[in-house]
mmCIF file of all heavy atoms, coordinates in Angstrom:
data_MODEL
# 
_entry.id   MODEL 
# 
loop_
_atom_site.group_PDB 
_atom_site.id 
_atom_site.type_symbol 
_atom_site.label_atom_id 
_atom_site.label_alt_id 
_atom_site.label_comp_id 
_atom_site.label_asym_id 
_atom_site.label_entity_id 
_atom_site.label_seq_id 
_atom_site.pdbx_PDB_ins_code 
_atom_site.Cartn_x 
_atom_site.Cartn_y 
_atom_site.Cartn_z 
_atom_site.occupancy 
_atom_site.B_iso_or_equiv 
_atom_site.pdbx_formal_charge 
_atom_site.auth_seq_id 
_atom_site.auth_comp_id 
_atom_site.auth_asym_id 
_atom_site.auth_atom_id 
_atom_site.pdbx_PDB_model_num 
ATOM 1   N N   . ALA A 1 1  ? 106.280 197.163 95.399  1.00 0.00 ? 1  ALA A N   1 
ATOM 2   C CA  . ALA A 1 1  ? 106.516 197.205 93.967  1.00 0.00 ? 1  ALA A CA  1 
ATOM 3   C C   . ALA A 1 1  ? 105.313 196.801 93.181  1.00 0.00 ? 1  ALA A C   1 
ATOM 4   O O   . ALA A 1 1  ? 105.072 197.304 92.055  1.00 0.00 ? 1  ALA A O   1 
ATOM 5   C CB  . ALA A 1 1  ? 107.721 196.344 93.622  1.00 0.00 ? 1  ALA A CB  1 
ATOM 6   N N   . GLU A 1 2  ? 104.527 195.895 93.725  1.00 0.00 ? 2  GLU A N   1 
ATOM 7   C CA  . GLU A 1 2  ? 103.299 195.428 93.020  1.00 0.00 ? 2  GLU A CA  1 
ATOM 8   C C   . GLU A 1 2  ? 102.308 196.553 92.877  1.00 0.00 ? 2  GLU A C   1 
ATOM 9   O O   . GLU A 1 2  ? 101.380 196.487 92.063  1.00 0.00 ? 2  GLU A O   1 
ATOM 10  C CB  . GLU A 1 2  ? 102.687 194.242 93.739  1.00 0.00 ? 2  GLU A CB  1 
ATOM 11  C CG  . GLU A 1 2  ? 103.533 192.949 93.725  1.00 0.00 ? 2  GLU A CG  1 
ATOM 12  C CD  . GLU A 1 2  ? 103.672 192.375 92.314  1.00 0.00 ? 2  GLU A CD  1 
ATOM 13  O OE1 . GLU A 1 2  ? 102.940 192.786 91.418  1.00 0.00 ? 2  GLU A OE1 1 
ATOM 14  O OE2 . GLU A 1 2  ? 104.515 191.505 92.111  1.00 0.00 ? 2  GLU A OE2 1 
ATOM 15  N N   . ARG A 1 3  ? 102.428 197.603 93.680  1.00 0.00 ? 3  ARG A N   1 
ATOM 16  C CA  . ARG A 1 3  ? 101.510 198.743 93.618  1.00 0.00 ? 3  ARG A CA  1 
ATOM 17  C C   . ARG A 1 3  ? 102.056 199.883 92.749  1.00 0.00 ? 3  ARG A C   1 
ATOM 18  O O   . ARG A 1 3  ? 101.478 200.974 92.706  1.00 0.00 ? 3  ARG A O   1 
ATOM 19  C CB  . ARG A 1 3  ? 101.233 199.269 95.035  1.00 0.00 ? 3  ARG A CB  1 
ATOM 20  C CG  . ARG A 1 3  ? 100.465 198.276 95.884  1.00 0.00 ? 3  ARG A CG  1 
ATOM 21  C CD  . ARG A 1 3  ? 100.387 198.717 97.362  1.00 0.00 ? 3  ARG A CD  1 
ATOM 22  N NE  . ARG A 1 3  ? 99.458  197.948 98.135  1.00 0.00 ? 3  ARG A NE  1 
ATOM 23  C CZ  . ARG A 1 3  ? 99.706  196.764 98.642  1.00 0.00 ? 3  ARG A CZ  1 
ATOM 24  N NH1 . ARG A 1 3  ? 100.902 196.184 98.465  1.00 0.00 ? 3  ARG A NH1 1 
ATOM 25  N NH2 . ARG A 1 3  ? 98.797  196.091 99.339  1.00 0.00 ? 3  ARG A NH2 1 
ATOM 26  N N   . LEU A 1 4  ? 103.217 199.642 92.116  1.00 0.00 ? 4  LEU A N   1 
ATOM 27  C CA  . LEU A 1 4  ? 103.856 200.667 91.273  1.00 0.00 ? 4  LEU A CA  1 
ATOM 28  C C   . LEU A 1 4  ? 103.691 200.305 89.806  1.00 0.00 ? 4  LEU A C   1 
ATOM 29  O O   . LEU A 1 4  ? 103.683 199.145 89.436  1.00 0.00 ? 4  LEU A O   1 
ATOM 30  C CB  . LEU A 1 4  ? 105.336 200.753 91.640  1.00 0.00 ? 4  LEU A CB  1 
ATOM 31  C CG  . LEU A 1 4  ? 105.652 201.310 93.031  1.00 0.00 ? 4  LEU A CG  1 
ATOM 32  C CD1 . LEU A 1 4  ? 107.170 201.158 93.305  1.00 0.00 ? 4  LEU A CD1 1 
ATOM 33  C CD2 . LEU A 1 4  ? 105.247 202.775 93.164  1.00 0.00 ? 4  LEU A CD2 1 
ATOM 34  N N   . PRO A 1 5  ? 103.628 201.297 88.946  1.00 0.00 ? 5  PRO A N   1 
ATOM 35  C CA  . PRO A 1 5  ? 103.525 201.066 87.505  1.00 0.00 ? 5  PRO A CA  1 
ATOM 36  C C   . PRO A 1 5  ? 104.868 200.658 86.866  1.00 0.00 ? 5  PRO A C   1 
ATOM 37  O O   . PRO A 1 5  ? 104.894 200.190 85.736  1.00 0.00 ? 5  PRO A O   1 
ATOM 38  C CB  . PRO A 1 5  ? 103.020 202.376 86.935  1.00 0.00 ? 5  PRO A CB  1 
ATOM 39  C CG  . PRO A 1 5  ? 103.547 203.406 87.908  1.00 0.00 ? 5  PRO A CG  1 
ATOM 40  C CD  . PRO A 1 5  ? 103.513 202.776 89.220  1.00 0.00 ? 5  PRO A CD  1 
ATOM 41  N N   . ASP A 1 6  ? 105.970 200.806 87.593  1.00 0.00 ? 6  ASP A N   1 
ATOM 42  C CA  . ASP A 1 6  ? 107.307 200.589 87.054  1.00 0.00 ? 6  ASP A CA  1 
ATOM 43  C C   . ASP A 1 6  ? 107.615 199.088 87.010  1.00 0.00 ? 6  ASP A C   1 
ATOM 44  O O   . ASP A 1 6  ? 107.756 198.448 88.062  1.00 0.00 ? 6  ASP A O   1 
ATOM 45  C CB  . ASP A 1 6  ? 108.322 201.325 87.920  1.00 0.00 ? 6  ASP A CB  1 
ATOM 46  C CG  . ASP A 1 6  ? 109.758 201.177 87.425  1.00 0.00 ? 6  ASP A CG  1 
ATOM 47  O OD1 . ASP A 1 6  ? 109.916 200.629 86.310  1.00 0.00 ? 6  ASP A OD1 1 
ATOM 48  O OD2 . ASP A 1 6  ? 110.650 201.538 88.172  1.00 0.00 ? 6  ASP A OD2 1 
ATOM 49  N N   . PRO A 1 7  ? 107.779 198.460 85.810  1.00 0.00 ? 7  PRO A N   1 
ATOM 50  C CA  . PRO A 1 7  ? 108.093 197.043 85.757  1.00 0.00 ? 7  PRO A CA  1 
ATOM 51  C C   . PRO A 1 7  ? 109.452 196.707 86.322  1.00 0.00 ? 7  PRO A C   1 
ATOM 52  O O   . PRO A 1 7  ? 109.662 195.608 86.886  1.00 0.00 ? 7  PRO A O   1 
ATOM 53  C CB  . PRO A 1 7  ? 107.995 196.701 84.276  1.00 0.00 ? 7  PRO A CB  1 
ATOM 54  C CG  . PRO A 1 7  ? 108.218 197.998 83.557  1.00 0.00 ? 7  PRO A CG  1 
ATOM 55  C CD  . PRO A 1 7  ? 107.658 199.043 84.460  1.00 0.00 ? 7  PRO A CD  1 
ATOM 56  N N   . VAL A 1 8  ? 110.435 197.632 86.223  1.00 0.00 ? 8  VAL A N   1 
ATOM 57  C CA  . VAL A 1 8  ? 111.771 197.355 86.754  1.00 0.00 ? 8  VAL A CA  1 
ATOM 58  C C   . VAL A 1 8  ? 111.743 197.174 88.262  1.00 0.00 ? 8  VAL A C   1 
ATOM 59  O O   . VAL A 1 8  ? 112.439 196.310 88.797  1.00 0.00 ? 8  VAL A O   1 
ATOM 60  C CB  . VAL A 1 8  ? 112.751 198.518 86.358  1.00 0.00 ? 8  VAL A CB  1 
ATOM 61  C CG1 . VAL A 1 8  ? 114.117 198.306 87.027  1.00 0.00 ? 8  VAL A CG1 1 
ATOM 62  C CG2 . VAL A 1 8  ? 112.899 198.556 84.845  1.00 0.00 ? 8  VAL A CG2 1 
ATOM 63  N N   . ALA A 1 9  ? 110.907 197.940 88.951  1.00 0.00 ? 9  ALA A N   1 
ATOM 64  C CA  . ALA A 1 9  ? 110.761 197.791 90.410  1.00 0.00 ? 9  ALA A CA  1 
ATOM 65  C C   . ALA A 1 9  ? 110.269 196.380 90.741  1.00 0.00 ? 9  ALA A C   1 
ATOM 66  O O   . ALA A 1 9  ? 110.745 195.755 91.662  1.00 0.00 ? 9  ALA A O   1 
ATOM 67  C CB  . ALA A 1 9  ? 109.813 198.846 90.972  1.00 0.00 ? 9  ALA A CB  1 
ATOM 68  N N   . ARG A 1 10 ? 109.310 195.879 89.966  1.00 0.00 ? 10 ARG A N   1 
ATOM 69  C CA  . ARG A 1 10 ? 108.753 194.541 90.224  1.00 0.00 ? 10 ARG A CA  1 
ATOM 70  C C   . ARG A 1 10 ? 109.797 193.479 89.898  1.00 0.00 ? 10 ARG A C   1 
ATOM 71  O O   . ARG A 1 10 ? 109.973 192.521 90.666  1.00 0.00 ? 10 ARG A O   1 
ATOM 72  C CB  . ARG A 1 10 ? 107.463 194.335 89.420  1.00 0.00 ? 10 ARG A CB  1 
ATOM 73  C CG  . ARG A 1 10 ? 106.361 195.242 89.868  1.00 0.00 ? 10 ARG A CG  1 
ATOM 74  C CD  . ARG A 1 10 ? 105.003 194.777 89.340  1.00 0.00 ? 10 ARG A CD  1 
ATOM 75  N NE  . ARG A 1 10 ? 104.937 194.747 87.869  1.00 0.00 ? 10 ARG A NE  1 
ATOM 76  C CZ  . ARG A 1 10 ? 104.643 195.799 87.119  1.00 0.00 ? 10 ARG A CZ  1 
ATOM 77  N NH1 . ARG A 1 10 ? 104.440 197.000 87.685  1.00 0.00 ? 10 ARG A NH1 1 
ATOM 78  N NH2 . ARG A 1 10 ? 104.566 195.688 85.788  1.00 0.00 ? 10 ARG A NH2 1 
ATOM 79  N N   . ILE A 1 11 ? 110.495 193.645 88.772  1.00 0.00 ? 11 ILE A N   1 
ATOM 80  C CA  . ILE A 1 11 ? 111.520 192.646 88.381  1.00 0.00 ? 11 ILE A CA  1 
ATOM 81  C C   . ILE A 1 11 ? 112.577 192.544 89.456  1.00 0.00 ? 11 ILE A C   1 
ATOM 82  O O   . ILE A 1 11 ? 112.917 191.443 89.916  1.00 0.00 ? 11 ILE A O   1 
ATOM 83  C CB  . ILE A 1 11 ? 112.163 193.032 87.010  1.00 0.00 ? 11 ILE A CB  1 
ATOM 84  C CG1 . ILE A 1 11 ? 111.102 192.954 85.909  1.00 0.00 ? 11 ILE A CG1 1 
ATOM 85  C CG2 . ILE A 1 11 ? 113.300 192.079 86.710  1.00 0.00 ? 11 ILE A CG2 1 
ATOM 86  C CD1 . ILE A 1 11 ? 111.598 193.576 84.614  1.00 0.00 ? 11 ILE A CD1 1 
ATOM 87  N N   . ARG A 1 12 ? 113.161 193.709 89.823  1.00 0.00 ? 12 ARG A N   1 
ATOM 88  C CA  . ARG A 1 12 ? 114.236 193.669 90.790  1.00 0.00 ? 12 ARG A CA  1 
ATOM 89  C C   . ARG A 1 12 ? 113.798 193.178 92.153  1.00 0.00 ? 12 ARG A C   1 
ATOM 90  O O   . ARG A 1 12 ? 114.529 192.462 92.845  1.00 0.00 ? 12 ARG A O   1 
ATOM 91  C CB  . ARG A 1 12 ? 114.844 195.088 90.892  1.00 0.00 ? 12 ARG A CB  1 
ATOM 92  C CG  . ARG A 1 12 ? 115.576 195.504 89.637  1.00 0.00 ? 12 ARG A CG  1 
ATOM 93  C CD  . ARG A 1 12 ? 116.174 196.908 89.762  1.00 0.00 ? 12 ARG A CD  1 
ATOM 94  N NE  . ARG A 1 12 ? 116.945 197.259 88.580  1.00 0.00 ? 12 ARG A NE  1 
ATOM 95  C CZ  . ARG A 1 12 ? 117.555 198.431 88.399  1.00 0.00 ? 12 ARG A CZ  1 
ATOM 96  N NH1 . ARG A 1 12 ? 117.487 199.354 89.348  1.00 0.00 ? 12 ARG A NH1 1 
ATOM 97  N NH2 . ARG A 1 12 ? 118.235 198.667 87.299  1.00 0.00 ? 12 ARG A NH2 1 
ATOM 98  N N   . SER A 1 13 ? 112.598 193.567 92.563  1.00 0.00 ? 13 SER A N   1 
ATOM 99  C CA  . SER A 1 13 ? 112.121 193.142 93.884  1.00 0.00 ? 13 SER A CA  1 
ATOM 100 C C   . SER A 1 13 ? 111.934 191.632 93.946  1.00 0.00 ? 13 SER A C   1 
ATOM 101 O O   . SER A 1 13 ? 112.314 190.986 94.916  1.00 0.00 ? 13 SER A O   1 
ATOM 102 C CB  . SER A 1 13 ? 110.823 193.873 94.231  1.00 0.00 ? 13 SER A CB  1 
ATOM 103 O OG  . SER A 1 13 ? 111.066 195.257 94.362  1.00 0.00 ? 13 SER A OG  1 
ATOM 104 N N   . HIS A 1 14 ? 111.318 191.051 92.901  1.00 0.00 ? 14 HIS A N   1 
ATOM 105 C CA  . HIS A 1 14 ? 111.172 189.596 92.871  1.00 0.00 ? 14 HIS A CA  1 
ATOM 106 C C   . HIS A 1 14 ? 112.516 188.878 92.785  1.00 0.00 ? 14 HIS A C   1 
ATOM 107 O O   . HIS A 1 14 ? 112.759 187.874 93.455  1.00 0.00 ? 14 HIS A O   1 
ATOM 108 C CB  . HIS A 1 14 ? 110.287 189.175 91.676  1.00 0.00 ? 14 HIS A CB  1 
ATOM 109 C CG  . HIS A 1 14 ? 108.834 189.302 91.956  1.00 0.00 ? 14 HIS A CG  1 
ATOM 110 N ND1 . HIS A 1 14 ? 108.160 188.473 92.798  1.00 0.00 ? 14 HIS A ND1 1 
ATOM 111 C CD2 . HIS A 1 14 ? 107.903 190.211 91.470  1.00 0.00 ? 14 HIS A CD2 1 
ATOM 112 C CE1 . HIS A 1 14 ? 106.852 188.821 92.835  1.00 0.00 ? 14 HIS A CE1 1 
ATOM 113 N NE2 . HIS A 1 14 ? 106.687 189.879 92.054  1.00 0.00 ? 14 HIS A NE2 1 
ATOM 114 N N   . ARG A 1 15 ? 113.422 189.452 91.984  1.00 0.00 ? 15 ARG A N   1 
ATOM 115 C CA  . ARG A 1 15 ? 114.741 188.823 91.841  1.00 0.00 ? 15 ARG A CA  1 
ATOM 116 C C   . ARG A 1 15 ? 115.491 188.809 93.188  1.00 0.00 ? 15 ARG A C   1 
ATOM 117 O O   . ARG A 1 15 ? 116.061 187.759 93.581  1.00 0.00 ? 15 ARG A O   1 
ATOM 118 C CB  . ARG A 1 15 ? 115.556 189.561 90.793  1.00 0.00 ? 15 ARG A CB  1 
ATOM 119 C CG  . ARG A 1 15 ? 117.035 189.181 90.763  1.00 0.00 ? 15 ARG A CG  1 
ATOM 120 C CD  . ARG A 1 15 ? 117.749 189.669 89.520  1.00 0.00 ? 15 ARG A CD  1 
ATOM 121 N NE  . ARG A 1 15 ? 117.629 191.097 89.290  1.00 0.00 ? 15 ARG A NE  1 
ATOM 122 C CZ  . ARG A 1 15 ? 118.428 192.021 89.888  1.00 0.00 ? 15 ARG A CZ  1 
ATOM 123 N NH1 . ARG A 1 15 ? 119.338 191.629 90.744  1.00 0.00 ? 15 ARG A NH1 1 
ATOM 124 N NH2 . ARG A 1 15 ? 118.279 193.294 89.617  1.00 0.00 ? 15 ARG A NH2 1 
ATOM 125 N N   . LEU A 1 16 ? 115.479 189.935 93.862  1.00 0.00 ? 16 LEU A N   1 
ATOM 126 C CA  . LEU A 1 16 ? 116.265 190.007 95.104  1.00 0.00 ? 16 LEU A CA  1 
ATOM 127 C C   . LEU A 1 16 ? 115.555 189.345 96.271  1.00 0.00 ? 16 LEU A C   1 
ATOM 128 O O   . LEU A 1 16 ? 116.196 188.884 97.231  1.00 0.00 ? 16 LEU A O   1 
ATOM 129 C CB  . LEU A 1 16 ? 116.624 191.456 95.374  1.00 0.00 ? 16 LEU A CB  1 
ATOM 130 C CG  . LEU A 1 16 ? 117.555 192.036 94.286  1.00 0.00 ? 16 LEU A CG  1 
ATOM 131 C CD1 . LEU A 1 16 ? 117.771 193.528 94.494  1.00 0.00 ? 16 LEU A CD1 1 
ATOM 132 C CD2 . LEU A 1 16 ? 118.891 191.298 94.259  1.00 0.00 ? 16 LEU A CD2 1 
ATOM 133 N N   . LEU A 1 17 ? 114.234 189.230 96.207  1.00 0.00 ? 17 LEU A N   1 
ATOM 134 C CA  . LEU A 1 17 ? 113.530 188.423 97.213  1.00 0.00 ? 17 LEU A CA  1 
ATOM 135 C C   . LEU A 1 17 ? 113.892 186.958 96.990  1.00 0.00 ? 17 LEU A C   1 
ATOM 136 O O   . LEU A 1 17 ? 114.127 186.178 97.973  1.00 0.00 ? 17 LEU A O   1 
ATOM 137 C CB  . LEU A 1 17 ? 112.019 188.645 97.145  1.00 0.00 ? 17 LEU A CB  1 
ATOM 138 C CG  . LEU A 1 17 ? 111.198 187.770 98.103  1.00 0.00 ? 17 LEU A CG  1 
ATOM 139 C CD1 . LEU A 1 17 ? 111.670 187.960 99.549  1.00 0.00 ? 17 LEU A CD1 1 
ATOM 140 C CD2 . LEU A 1 17 ? 109.706 188.088 97.963  1.00 0.00 ? 17 LEU A CD2 1 
ATOM 141 N N   . GLY A 1 18 ? 113.958 186.553 95.744  1.00 0.00 ? 18 GLY A N   1 
ATOM 142 C CA  . GLY A 1 18 ? 114.408 185.187 95.461  1.00 0.00 ? 18 GLY A CA  1 
ATOM 143 C C   . GLY A 1 18 ? 115.790 184.921 95.972  1.00 0.00 ? 18 GLY A C   1 
ATOM 144 O O   . GLY A 1 18 ? 116.102 183.848 96.520  1.00 0.00 ? 18 GLY A O   1 
ATOM 145 N N   . ASP A 1 19 ? 116.679 185.877 95.798  1.00 0.00 ? 19 ASP A N   1 
ATOM 146 C CA  . ASP A 1 19 ? 118.039 185.751 96.296  1.00 0.00 ? 19 ASP A CA  1 
ATOM 147 C C   . ASP A 1 19 ? 118.066 185.622 97.817  1.00 0.00 ? 19 ASP A C   1 
ATOM 148 O O   . ASP A 1 19 ? 118.820 184.816 98.379  1.00 0.00 ? 19 ASP A O   1 
ATOM 149 C CB  . ASP A 1 19 ? 118.836 186.991 95.856  1.00 0.00 ? 19 ASP A CB  1 
ATOM 150 C CG  . ASP A 1 19 ? 120.332 186.835 96.059  1.00 0.00 ? 19 ASP A CG  1 
ATOM 151 O OD1 . ASP A 1 19 ? 120.820 185.695 96.015  1.00 0.00 ? 19 ASP A OD1 1 
ATOM 152 O OD2 . ASP A 1 19 ? 121.016 187.862 96.265  1.00 0.00 ? 19 ASP A OD2 1 
ATOM 153 N N   . ALA A 1 20 ? 117.203 186.401 98.511  1.00 0.00 ? 20 ALA A N   1 
ATOM 154 C CA  . ALA A 1 20 ? 117.161 186.321 99.969  1.00 0.00 ? 20 ALA A CA  1 
ATOM 155 C C   . ALA A 1 20 ? 116.636 184.960 100.411 1.00 0.00 ? 20 ALA A C   1 
ATOM 156 O O   . ALA A 1 20 ? 117.155 184.362 101.383 1.00 0.00 ? 20 ALA A O   1 
ATOM 157 C CB  . ALA A 1 20 ? 116.243 187.420 100.504 1.00 0.00 ? 20 ALA A CB  1 
ATOM 158 N N   . HIS A 1 21 ? 115.627 184.414 99.740  1.00 0.00 ? 21 HIS A N   1 
ATOM 159 C CA  . HIS A 1 21 ? 115.167 183.054 100.077 1.00 0.00 ? 21 HIS A CA  1 
ATOM 160 C C   . HIS A 1 21 ? 116.280 182.048 99.840  1.00 0.00 ? 21 HIS A C   1 
ATOM 161 O O   . HIS A 1 21 ? 116.444 181.106 100.651 1.00 0.00 ? 21 HIS A O   1 
ATOM 162 C CB  . HIS A 1 21 ? 113.951 182.717 99.226  1.00 0.00 ? 21 HIS A CB  1 
ATOM 163 C CG  . HIS A 1 21 ? 112.654 183.258 99.722  1.00 0.00 ? 21 HIS A CG  1 
ATOM 164 N ND1 . HIS A 1 21 ? 112.134 182.945 100.943 1.00 0.00 ? 21 HIS A ND1 1 
ATOM 165 C CD2 . HIS A 1 21 ? 111.732 184.121 99.150  1.00 0.00 ? 21 HIS A CD2 1 
ATOM 166 C CE1 . HIS A 1 21 ? 110.959 183.576 101.133 1.00 0.00 ? 21 HIS A CE1 1 
ATOM 167 N NE2 . HIS A 1 21 ? 110.718 184.284 100.079 1.00 0.00 ? 21 HIS A NE2 1 
ATOM 168 N N   . ALA A 1 22 ? 117.000 182.196 98.758  1.00 0.00 ? 22 ALA A N   1 
ATOM 169 C CA  . ALA A 1 22 ? 118.082 181.249 98.446  1.00 0.00 ? 22 ALA A CA  1 
ATOM 170 C C   . ALA A 1 22 ? 119.157 181.252 99.517  1.00 0.00 ? 22 ALA A C   1 
ATOM 171 O O   . ALA A 1 22 ? 119.670 180.214 99.923  1.00 0.00 ? 22 ALA A O   1 
ATOM 172 C CB  . ALA A 1 22 ? 118.680 181.581 97.090  1.00 0.00 ? 22 ALA A CB  1 
ATOM 173 N N   . ASP A 1 23 ? 119.499 182.453 100.031 1.00 0.00 ? 23 ASP A N   1 
ATOM 174 C CA  . ASP A 1 23 ? 120.525 182.531 101.085 1.00 0.00 ? 23 ASP A CA  1 
ATOM 175 C C   . ASP A 1 23 ? 120.117 181.788 102.347 1.00 0.00 ? 23 ASP A C   1 
ATOM 176 O O   . ASP A 1 23 ? 120.976 181.360 103.112 1.00 0.00 ? 23 ASP A O   1 
ATOM 177 C CB  . ASP A 1 23 ? 120.787 183.990 101.418 1.00 0.00 ? 23 ASP A CB  1 
ATOM 178 C CG  . ASP A 1 23 ? 121.759 184.649 100.436 1.00 0.00 ? 23 ASP A CG  1 
ATOM 179 O OD1 . ASP A 1 23 ? 122.432 183.920 99.693  1.00 0.00 ? 23 ASP A OD1 1 
ATOM 180 O OD2 . ASP A 1 23 ? 121.845 185.912 100.429 1.00 0.00 ? 23 ASP A OD2 1 
ATOM 181 N N   . LEU A 1 24 ? 118.817 181.653 102.553 1.00 0.00 ? 24 LEU A N   1 
ATOM 182 C CA  . LEU A 1 24 ? 118.331 180.925 103.731 1.00 0.00 ? 24 LEU A CA  1 
ATOM 183 C C   . LEU A 1 24 ? 117.994 179.481 103.422 1.00 0.00 ? 24 LEU A C   1 
ATOM 184 O O   . LEU A 1 24 ? 117.358 178.809 104.240 1.00 0.00 ? 24 LEU A O   1 
ATOM 185 C CB  . LEU A 1 24 ? 117.098 181.650 104.290 1.00 0.00 ? 24 LEU A CB  1 
ATOM 186 C CG  . LEU A 1 24 ? 117.405 183.006 104.992 1.00 0.00 ? 24 LEU A CG  1 
ATOM 187 C CD1 . LEU A 1 24 ? 116.151 183.796 105.247 1.00 0.00 ? 24 LEU A CD1 1 
ATOM 188 C CD2 . LEU A 1 24 ? 118.165 182.784 106.277 1.00 0.00 ? 24 LEU A CD2 1 
ATOM 189 N N   . GLY A 1 25 ? 118.363 179.019 102.189 1.00 0.00 ? 25 GLY A N   1 
ATOM 190 C CA  . GLY A 1 25 ? 118.147 177.630 101.839 1.00 0.00 ? 25 GLY A CA  1 
ATOM 191 C C   . GLY A 1 25 ? 116.705 177.300 101.496 1.00 0.00 ? 25 GLY A C   1 
ATOM 192 O O   . GLY A 1 25 ? 116.323 176.120 101.469 1.00 0.00 ? 25 GLY A O   1 
ATOM 193 N N   . GLN A 1 26 ? 115.908 178.313 101.160 1.00 0.00 ? 26 GLN A N   1 
ATOM 194 C CA  . GLN A 1 26 ? 114.498 178.094 100.843 1.00 0.00 ? 26 GLN A CA  1 
ATOM 195 C C   . GLN A 1 26 ? 114.397 178.019 99.309  1.00 0.00 ? 26 GLN A C   1 
ATOM 196 O O   . GLN A 1 26 ? 113.970 178.956 98.634  1.00 0.00 ? 26 GLN A O   1 
ATOM 197 C CB  . GLN A 1 26 ? 113.657 179.226 101.439 1.00 0.00 ? 26 GLN A CB  1 
ATOM 198 C CG  . GLN A 1 26 ? 113.736 179.290 102.949 1.00 0.00 ? 26 GLN A CG  1 
ATOM 199 C CD  . GLN A 1 26 ? 113.195 180.576 103.547 1.00 0.00 ? 26 GLN A CD  1 
ATOM 200 O OE1 . GLN A 1 26 ? 112.687 181.435 102.838 1.00 0.00 ? 26 GLN A OE1 1 
ATOM 201 N NE2 . GLN A 1 26 ? 113.329 180.736 104.855 1.00 0.00 ? 26 GLN A NE2 1 
ATOM 202 N N   . HIS A 1 27 ? 114.753 176.826 98.805  1.00 0.00 ? 27 HIS A N   1 
ATOM 203 C CA  . HIS A 1 27 ? 114.930 176.672 97.344  1.00 0.00 ? 27 HIS A CA  1 
ATOM 204 C C   . HIS A 1 27 ? 113.679 176.918 96.528  1.00 0.00 ? 27 HIS A C   1 
ATOM 205 O O   . HIS A 1 27 ? 113.693 177.679 95.553  1.00 0.00 ? 27 HIS A O   1 
ATOM 206 C CB  . HIS A 1 27 ? 115.476 175.259 97.078  1.00 0.00 ? 27 HIS A CB  1 
ATOM 207 C CG  . HIS A 1 27 ? 115.681 174.959 95.627  1.00 0.00 ? 27 HIS A CG  1 
ATOM 208 N ND1 . HIS A 1 27 ? 116.742 175.440 94.925  1.00 0.00 ? 27 HIS A ND1 1 
ATOM 209 C CD2 . HIS A 1 27 ? 114.921 174.237 94.758  1.00 0.00 ? 27 HIS A CD2 1 
ATOM 210 C CE1 . HIS A 1 27 ? 116.665 175.023 93.653  1.00 0.00 ? 27 HIS A CE1 1 
ATOM 211 N NE2 . HIS A 1 27 ? 115.562 174.298 93.535  1.00 0.00 ? 27 HIS A NE2 1 
# 
């Protein structure tokens, strides 16, 4: 997503990567 011009791709990718870290307790 960082290589794409679309800001929504970057927003969603960071958000859901954060969610994945949270599920593993990586606060």
